[in-house]
PDB file of N, CA and C in Angstrom:
ATOM      1  N   UNK A   1       0.849  -1.171   0.000  1.00  0.00           N
ATOM      2  CA  UNK A   1       0.000   0.000   0.000  1.00  0.00           C
ATOM      3  C   UNK A   1       0.895   1.234   0.000  1.00  0.00           C
ATOM      4  N   UNK A   2       0.594   2.201  -0.859  1.00  0.00           N
ATOM      5  CA  UNK A   2       1.342   3.449  -0.938  1.00  0.00           C
ATOM      6  C   UNK A   2       0.529   4.568  -0.307  1.00  0.00           C
ATOM      7  N   UNK A   3       1.191   5.388   0.486  1.00  0.00           N
ATOM      8  CA  UNK A   3       0.522   6.537   1.084  1.00  0.00           C
ATOM      9  C   UNK A   3       0.493   7.680   0.077  1.00  0.00           C
ATOM     10  N   UNK A   4      -0.573   8.479   0.080  1.00  0.00           N
ATOM     11  CA  UNK A   4      -0.607   9.659  -0.787  1.00  0.00           C
ATOM     12  C   UNK A   4       0.531  10.610  -0.438  1.00  0.00           C
ATOM     13  N   UNK A   5       1.037  11.320  -1.441  1.00  0.00           N
ATOM     14  CA  UNK A   5       2.093  12.302  -1.253  1.00  0.00           C
ATOM     15  C   UNK A   5       1.489  13.677  -1.512  1.00  0.00           C
ATOM     16  N   UNK A   6       1.620  14.579  -0.535  1.00  0.00           N
ATOM     17  CA  UNK A   6       1.043  15.922  -0.668  1.00  0.00           C
ATOM     18  C   UNK A   6       2.016  16.829  -1.404  1.00  0.00           C
ATOM     19  N   UNK A   7       1.511  17.519  -2.416  1.00  0.00           N
ATOM     20  CA  UNK A   7       2.303  18.489  -3.163  1.00  0.00           C
ATOM     21  C   UNK A   7       2.173  19.864  -2.504  1.00  0.00           C
ATOM     22  N   UNK A   8       3.100  20.760  -2.798  1.00  0.00           N
ATOM     23  CA  UNK A   8       3.073  22.104  -2.218  1.00  0.00           C
ATOM     24  C   UNK A   8       1.832  22.899  -2.614  1.00  0.00           C
ATOM     25  N   UNK A   9       1.214  22.556  -3.741  1.00  0.00           N
ATOM     26  CA  UNK A   9       0.043  23.309  -4.201  1.00  0.00           C
ATOM     27  C   UNK A   9      -1.277  22.772  -3.641  1.00  0.00           C
ATOM     28  N   UNK A  10      -1.206  21.841  -2.689  1.00  0.00           N
ATOM     29  CA  UNK A  10      -2.423  21.344  -2.053  1.00  0.00           C
ATOM     30  C   UNK A  10      -3.061  20.156  -2.738  1.00  0.00           C
ATOM     31  N   UNK A  11      -2.409  19.595  -3.732  1.00  0.00           N
ATOM     32  CA  UNK A  11      -2.925  18.401  -4.377  1.00  0.00           C
ATOM     33  C   UNK A  11      -2.168  17.179  -3.855  1.00  0.00           C
ATOM     34  N   UNK A  12      -2.723  16.009  -4.151  1.00  0.00           N
ATOM     35  CA  UNK A  12      -2.089  14.748  -3.758  1.00  0.00           C
ATOM     36  C   UNK A  12      -1.685  13.962  -4.983  1.00  0.00           C
ATOM     37  N   UNK A  13      -0.609  13.229  -4.849  1.00  0.00           N
ATOM     38  CA  UNK A  13      -0.242  12.226  -5.833  1.00  0.00           C
ATOM     39  C   UNK A  13      -0.490  10.885  -5.158  1.00  0.00           C
ATOM     40  N   UNK A  14      -1.352  10.086  -5.782  1.00  0.00           N
ATOM     41  CA  UNK A  14      -1.699   8.779  -5.238  1.00  0.00           C
ATOM     42  C   UNK A  14      -1.281   7.730  -6.254  1.00  0.00           C
ATOM     43  N   UNK A  15      -0.534   6.737  -5.812  1.00  0.00           N
ATOM     44  CA  UNK A  15      -0.051   5.696  -6.718  1.00  0.00           C
ATOM     45  C   UNK A  15      -0.901   4.437  -6.579  1.00  0.00           C
ATOM     46  N   UNK A  16      -1.236   3.884  -7.733  1.00  0.00           N
ATOM     47  CA  UNK A  16      -1.938   2.593  -7.776  1.00  0.00           C
ATOM     48  C   UNK A  16      -1.395   1.828  -8.964  1.00  0.00           C
ATOM     49  N   UNK A  17      -0.884   0.635  -8.689  1.00  0.00           N
ATOM     50  CA  UNK A  17      -0.224  -0.182  -9.703  1.00  0.00           C
ATOM     51  C   UNK A  17       0.862   0.661 -10.363  1.00  0.00           C
ATOM     52  N   UNK A  18       0.907   0.780 -11.653  1.00  0.00           N
ATOM     53  CA  UNK A  18       1.990   1.508 -12.334  1.00  0.00           C
ATOM     54  C   UNK A  18       1.618   2.951 -12.643  1.00  0.00           C
ATOM     55  N   UNK A  19       0.512   3.449 -12.082  1.00  0.00           N
ATOM     56  CA  UNK A  19       0.054   4.801 -12.424  1.00  0.00           C
ATOM     57  C   UNK A  19       0.060   5.712 -11.211  1.00  0.00           C
ATOM     58  N   UNK A  20       0.150   6.993 -11.480  1.00  0.00           N
ATOM     59  CA  UNK A  20       0.023   8.023 -10.460  1.00  0.00           C
ATOM     60  C   UNK A  20      -1.179   8.895 -10.810  1.00  0.00           C
ATOM     61  N   UNK A  21      -1.964   9.233  -9.805  1.00  0.00           N
ATOM     62  CA  UNK A  21      -3.146  10.060  -9.993  1.00  0.00           C
ATOM     63  C   UNK A  21      -3.008  11.309  -9.148  1.00  0.00           C
ATOM     64  N   UNK A  22      -3.350  12.454  -9.722  1.00  0.00           N
ATOM     65  CA  UNK A  22      -3.279  13.722  -9.003  1.00  0.00           C
ATOM     66  C   UNK A  22      -4.707  14.154  -8.681  1.00  0.00           C
ATOM     67  N   UNK A  23      -4.973  14.308  -7.373  1.00  0.00           N
ATOM     68  CA  UNK A  23      -6.311  14.673  -6.899  1.00  0.00           C
ATOM     69  C   UNK A  23      -6.195  15.788  -5.860  1.00  0.00           C
ATOM     70  N   UNK A  24      -7.292  16.473  -5.547  1.00  0.00           N
ATOM     71  CA  UNK A  24      -7.246  17.490  -4.491  1.00  0.00           C
ATOM     72  C   UNK A  24      -6.999  16.830  -3.132  1.00  0.00           C
ATOM     73  N   UNK A  25      -6.438  17.591  -2.201  1.00  0.00           N
ATOM     74  CA  UNK A  25      -6.213  17.070  -0.846  1.00  0.00           C
ATOM     75  C   UNK A  25      -7.387  17.383   0.079  1.00  0.00           C
ATOM     76  N   UNK A  26      -8.527  17.731  -0.463  1.00  0.00           N
ATOM     77  CA  UNK A  26      -9.675  17.982   0.401  1.00  0.00           C
ATOM     78  C   UNK A  26     -10.877  17.169  -0.069  1.00  0.00           C
ATOM     79  N   UNK A  27     -11.562  16.598   0.897  1.00  0.00           N
ATOM     80  CA  UNK A  27     -12.761  15.812   0.606  1.00  0.00           C
ATOM     81  C   UNK A  27     -13.895  16.770   0.249  1.00  0.00           C
ATOM     82  N   UNK A  28     -14.644  16.481  -0.808  1.00  0.00           N
ATOM     83  CA  UNK A  28     -15.744  17.363  -1.187  1.00  0.00           C
ATOM     84  C   UNK A  28     -16.912  17.340  -0.199  1.00  0.00           C
ATOM     85  N   UNK A  29     -16.900  16.424   0.769  1.00  0.00           N
ATOM     86  CA  UNK A  29     -17.983  16.373   1.751  1.00  0.00           C
ATOM     87  C   UNK A  29     -17.865  17.507   2.761  1.00  0.00           C
ATOM     88  N   UNK A  30     -16.763  17.591   3.480  1.00  0.00           N
ATOM     89  CA  UNK A  30     -16.592  18.623   4.500  1.00  0.00           C
ATOM     90  C   UNK A  30     -15.176  19.207   4.518  1.00  0.00           C
ATOM     91  N   UNK A  31     -14.418  18.987   3.453  1.00  0.00           N
ATOM     92  CA  UNK A  31     -13.100  19.602   3.347  1.00  0.00           C
ATOM     93  C   UNK A  31     -11.990  18.922   4.113  1.00  0.00           C
ATOM     94  N   UNK A  32     -12.221  17.717   4.597  1.00  0.00           N
ATOM     95  CA  UNK A  32     -11.189  16.985   5.348  1.00  0.00           C
ATOM     96  C   UNK A  32      -9.967  16.737   4.471  1.00  0.00           C
ATOM     97  N   UNK A  33      -8.789  16.699   5.059  1.00  0.00           N
ATOM     98  CA  UNK A  33      -7.588  16.419   4.275  1.00  0.00           C
ATOM     99  C   UNK A  33      -7.539  14.945   3.866  1.00  0.00           C
ATOM    100  N   UNK A  34      -7.621  14.694   2.573  1.00  0.00           N
ATOM    101  CA  UNK A  34      -7.568  13.309   2.097  1.00  0.00           C
ATOM    102  C   UNK A  34      -6.187  12.690   2.301  1.00  0.00           C
ATOM    103  N   UNK A  35      -5.172  13.522   2.531  1.00  0.00           N
ATOM    104  CA  UNK A  35      -3.834  12.992   2.819  1.00  0.00           C
ATOM    105  C   UNK A  35      -3.819  12.223   4.141  1.00  0.00           C
ATOM    106  N   UNK A  36      -4.828  12.416   4.968  1.00  0.00           N
ATOM    107  CA  UNK A  36      -4.954  11.660   6.216  1.00  0.00           C
ATOM    108  C   UNK A  36      -5.850  10.438   6.046  1.00  0.00           C
ATOM    109  N   UNK A  37      -6.309  10.198   4.818  1.00  0.00           N
ATOM    110  CA  UNK A  37      -7.230   9.098   4.550  1.00  0.00           C
ATOM    111  C   UNK A  37      -6.532   7.756   4.480  1.00  0.00           C
ATOM    112  N   UNK A  38      -7.296   6.747   4.114  1.00  0.00           N
ATOM    113  CA  UNK A  38      -6.831   5.371   4.061  1.00  0.00           C
ATOM    114  C   UNK A  38      -6.917   4.871   2.631  1.00  0.00           C
ATOM    115  N   UNK A  39      -5.801   4.444   2.087  1.00  0.00           N
ATOM    116  CA  UNK A  39      -5.745   3.959   0.715  1.00  0.00           C
ATOM    117  C   UNK A  39      -5.690   2.439   0.723  1.00  0.00           C
ATOM    118  N   UNK A  40      -6.608   1.820  -0.013  1.00  0.00           N
ATOM    119  CA  UNK A  40      -6.631   0.366  -0.163  1.00  0.00           C
ATOM    120  C   UNK A  40      -6.862   0.074  -1.636  1.00  0.00           C
ATOM    121  N   UNK A  41      -5.799  -0.325  -2.320  1.00  0.00           N
ATOM    122  CA  UNK A  41      -5.890  -0.510  -3.767  1.00  0.00           C
ATOM    123  C   UNK A  41      -6.198   0.830  -4.397  1.00  0.00           C
ATOM    124  N   UNK A  42      -7.202   0.895  -5.269  1.00  0.00           N
ATOM    125  CA  UNK A  42      -7.540   2.164  -5.907  1.00  0.00           C
ATOM    126  C   UNK A  42      -8.568   2.992  -5.126  1.00  0.00           C
ATOM    127  N   UNK A  43      -8.846   2.601  -3.880  1.00  0.00           N
ATOM    128  CA  UNK A  43      -9.905   3.241  -3.106  1.00  0.00           C
ATOM    129  C   UNK A  43      -9.324   4.058  -1.961  1.00  0.00           C
ATOM    130  N   UNK A  44      -9.724   5.328  -1.900  1.00  0.00           N
ATOM    131  CA  UNK A  44      -9.256   6.241  -0.866  1.00  0.00           C
ATOM    132  C   UNK A  44     -10.445   6.628  -0.006  1.00  0.00           C
ATOM    133  N   UNK A  45     -10.327   6.348   1.307  1.00  0.00           N
ATOM    134  CA  UNK A  45     -11.420   6.641   2.247  1.00  0.00           C
ATOM    135  C   UNK A  45     -11.027   7.824   3.116  1.00  0.00           C
ATOM    136  N   UNK A  46     -11.900   8.801   3.175  1.00  0.00           N
ATOM    137  CA  UNK A  46     -11.695   9.979   3.997  1.00  0.00           C
ATOM    138  C   UNK A  46     -11.684   9.574   5.472  1.00  0.00           C
ATOM    139  N   UNK A  47     -10.712  10.070   6.219  1.00  0.00           N
ATOM    140  CA  UNK A  47     -10.575   9.729   7.635  1.00  0.00           C
ATOM    141  C   UNK A  47     -11.674  10.349   8.501  1.00  0.00           C
ATOM    142  N   UNK A  48     -12.283  11.444   8.063  1.00  0.00           N
ATOM    143  CA  UNK A  48     -13.271  12.121   8.907  1.00  0.00           C
ATOM    144  C   UNK A  48     -14.644  11.458   8.886  1.00  0.00           C
ATOM    145  N   UNK A  49     -15.218  11.231   7.711  1.00  0.00           N
ATOM    146  CA  UNK A  49     -16.596  10.729   7.646  1.00  0.00           C
ATOM    147  C   UNK A  49     -16.762   9.498   6.767  1.00  0.00           C
ATOM    148  N   UNK A  50     -15.665   8.972   6.230  1.00  0.00           N
ATOM    149  CA  UNK A  50     -15.718   7.704   5.511  1.00  0.00           C
ATOM    150  C   UNK A  50     -16.112   7.756   4.052  1.00  0.00           C
ATOM    151  N   UNK A  51     -16.243   8.941   3.462  1.00  0.00           N
ATOM    152  CA  UNK A  51     -16.519   8.981   2.023  1.00  0.00           C
ATOM    153  C   UNK A  51     -15.380   8.253   1.312  1.00  0.00           C
ATOM    154  N   UNK A  52     -15.734   7.383   0.390  1.00  0.00           N
ATOM    155  CA  UNK A  52     -14.735   6.565  -0.300  1.00  0.00           C
ATOM    156  C   UNK A  52     -14.794   6.843  -1.788  1.00  0.00           C
ATOM    157  N   UNK A  53     -13.620   7.078  -2.379  1.00  0.00           N
ATOM    158  CA  UNK A  53     -13.506   7.452  -3.783  1.00  0.00           C
ATOM    159  C   UNK A  53     -12.613   6.478  -4.525  1.00  0.00           C
ATOM    160  N   UNK A  54     -12.938   6.250  -5.796  1.00  0.00           N
ATOM    161  CA  UNK A  54     -12.074   5.489  -6.688  1.00  0.00           C
ATOM    162  C   UNK A  54     -11.086   6.496  -7.273  1.00  0.00           C
ATOM    163  N   UNK A  55      -9.811   6.368  -6.949  1.00  0.00           N
ATOM    164  CA  UNK A  55      -8.836   7.362  -7.403  1.00  0.00           C
ATOM    165  C   UNK A  55      -8.645   7.340  -8.911  1.00  0.00           C
ATOM    166  N   UNK A  56      -9.049   6.252  -9.581  1.00  0.00           N
ATOM    167  CA  UNK A  56      -8.891   6.169 -11.039  1.00  0.00           C
ATOM    168  C   UNK A  56      -9.906   7.026 -11.770  1.00  0.00           C
ATOM    169  N   UNK A  57     -11.078   7.211 -11.178  1.00  0.00           N
ATOM    170  CA  UNK A  57     -12.168   7.924 -11.848  1.00  0.00           C
ATOM    171  C   UNK A  57     -12.649   9.149 -11.076  1.00  0.00           C
ATOM    172  N   UNK A  58     -12.350   9.209  -9.780  1.00  0.00           N
ATOM    173  CA  UNK A  58     -12.848  10.273  -8.918  1.00  0.00           C
ATOM    174  C   UNK A  58     -14.233   9.987  -8.352  1.00  0.00           C
ATOM    175  N   UNK A  59     -14.860   8.891  -8.758  1.00  0.00           N
ATOM    176  CA  UNK A  59     -16.229   8.570  -8.348  1.00  0.00           C
ATOM    177  C   UNK A  59     -16.334   8.276  -6.855  1.00  0.00           C
ATOM    178  N   UNK A  60     -17.355   8.885  -6.209  1.00  0.00           N
ATOM    179  CA  UNK A  60     -17.667   8.542  -4.820  1.00  0.00           C
ATOM    180  C   UNK A  60     -18.390   7.212  -4.824  1.00  0.00           C
ATOM    181  N   UNK A  61     -17.907   6.279  -4.033  1.00  0.00           N
ATOM    182  CA  UNK A  61     -18.472   4.933  -4.021  1.00  0.00           C
ATOM    183  C   UNK A  61     -19.364   4.659  -2.818  1.00  0.00           C
ATOM    184  N   UNK A  62     -19.037   5.288  -1.684  1.00  0.00           N
ATOM    185  CA  UNK A  62     -19.839   5.091  -0.470  1.00  0.00           C
ATOM    186  C   UNK A  62     -19.562   6.224   0.498  1.00  0.00           C
ATOM    187  N   UNK A  63     -20.367   6.245   1.534  1.00  0.00           N
ATOM    188  CA  UNK A  63     -20.207   7.289   2.546  1.00  0.00           C
ATOM    189  C   UNK A  63     -21.182   8.422   2.323  1.00  0.00           C
ATOM    190  N   UNK A  64     -20.957   9.554   2.987  1.00  0.00           N
ATOM    191  CA  UNK A  64     -21.882  10.678   2.881  1.00  0.00           C
ATOM    192  C   UNK A  64     -22.042  11.139   1.436  1.00  0.00           C
ATOM    193  N   UNK A  65     -23.222  11.609   1.128  1.00  0.00           N
ATOM    194  CA  UNK A  65     -23.472  12.127  -0.214  1.00  0.00           C
ATOM    195  C   UNK A  65     -22.667  13.404  -0.406  1.00  0.00           C
ATOM    196  N   UNK A  66     -21.891  13.424  -1.467  1.00  0.00           N
ATOM    197  CA  UNK A  66     -21.074  14.585  -1.811  1.00  0.00           C
ATOM    198  C   UNK A  66     -20.674  14.442  -3.271  1.00  0.00           C
ATOM    199  N   UNK A  67     -20.140  15.492  -3.855  1.00  0.00           N
ATOM    200  CA  UNK A  67     -19.698  15.385  -5.246  1.00  0.00           C
ATOM    201  C   UNK A  67     -18.545  14.398  -5.392  1.00  0.00           C
ATOM    202  N   UNK A  68     -18.368  13.926  -6.609  1.00  0.00           N
ATOM    203  CA  UNK A  68     -17.184  13.138  -6.927  1.00  0.00           C
ATOM    204  C   UNK A  68     -15.963  14.045  -6.865  1.00  0.00           C
ATOM    205  N   UNK A  69     -14.789  13.449  -6.781  1.00  0.00           N
ATOM    206  CA  UNK A  69     -13.558  14.208  -6.930  1.00  0.00           C
ATOM    207  C   UNK A  69     -13.456  14.640  -8.384  1.00  0.00           C
ATOM    208  N   UNK A  70     -12.769  15.741  -8.667  1.00  0.00           N
ATOM    209  CA  UNK A  70     -12.527  16.079 -10.073  1.00  0.00           C
ATOM    210  C   UNK A  70     -11.826  14.907 -10.741  1.00  0.00           C
ATOM    211  N   UNK A  71     -12.056  14.725 -12.016  1.00  0.00           N
ATOM    212  CA  UNK A  71     -11.429  13.606 -12.737  1.00  0.00           C
ATOM    213  C   UNK A  71      -9.923  13.646 -12.511  1.00  0.00           C
ATOM    214  N   UNK A  72      -9.379  12.571 -11.917  1.00  0.00           N
ATOM    215  CA  UNK A  72      -7.951  12.552 -11.633  1.00  0.00           C
ATOM    216  C   UNK A  72      -7.109  12.619 -12.891  1.00  0.00           C
ATOM    217  N   UNK A  73      -5.987  13.293 -12.790  1.00  0.00           N
ATOM    218  CA  UNK A  73      -5.028  13.327 -13.892  1.00  0.00           C
ATOM    219  C   UNK A  73      -4.067  12.178 -13.638  1.00  0.00           C
ATOM    220  N   UNK A  74      -4.076  11.181 -14.513  1.00  0.00           N
ATOM    221  CA  UNK A  74      -3.222  10.014 -14.329  1.00  0.00           C
ATOM    222  C   UNK A  74      -2.071   9.991 -15.308  1.00  0.00           C
ATOM    223  N   UNK A  75      -0.944   9.535 -14.849  1.00  0.00           N
ATOM    224  CA  UNK A  75       0.230   9.338 -15.692  1.00  0.00           C
ATOM    225  C   UNK A  75       0.485   7.846 -15.805  1.00  0.00           C
ATOM    226  N   UNK A  76       0.718   7.394 -17.012  1.00  0.00           N
ATOM    227  CA  UNK A  76       0.992   5.961 -17.153  1.00  0.00           C
ATOM    228  C   UNK A  76       2.458   5.688 -17.129  1.00  0.00           C
TER     229      UNK A  76
END
């Protein structure tokens, strides 16, 4: 399991398999820092309220109703 890496501009780099995804470091539910979340495979769970996102697509999969993450920018 790889921990997210916080960039100076407030975004995160999250690695899954051979790809890196760049996402915001704030949960769209209540602004919690996603850098404190839990990464399991391609799924990142917010530490505050449990919103879970697929880092490959930005889609919210479970937890409180909130917007999806912006479409992650992935590098292959």
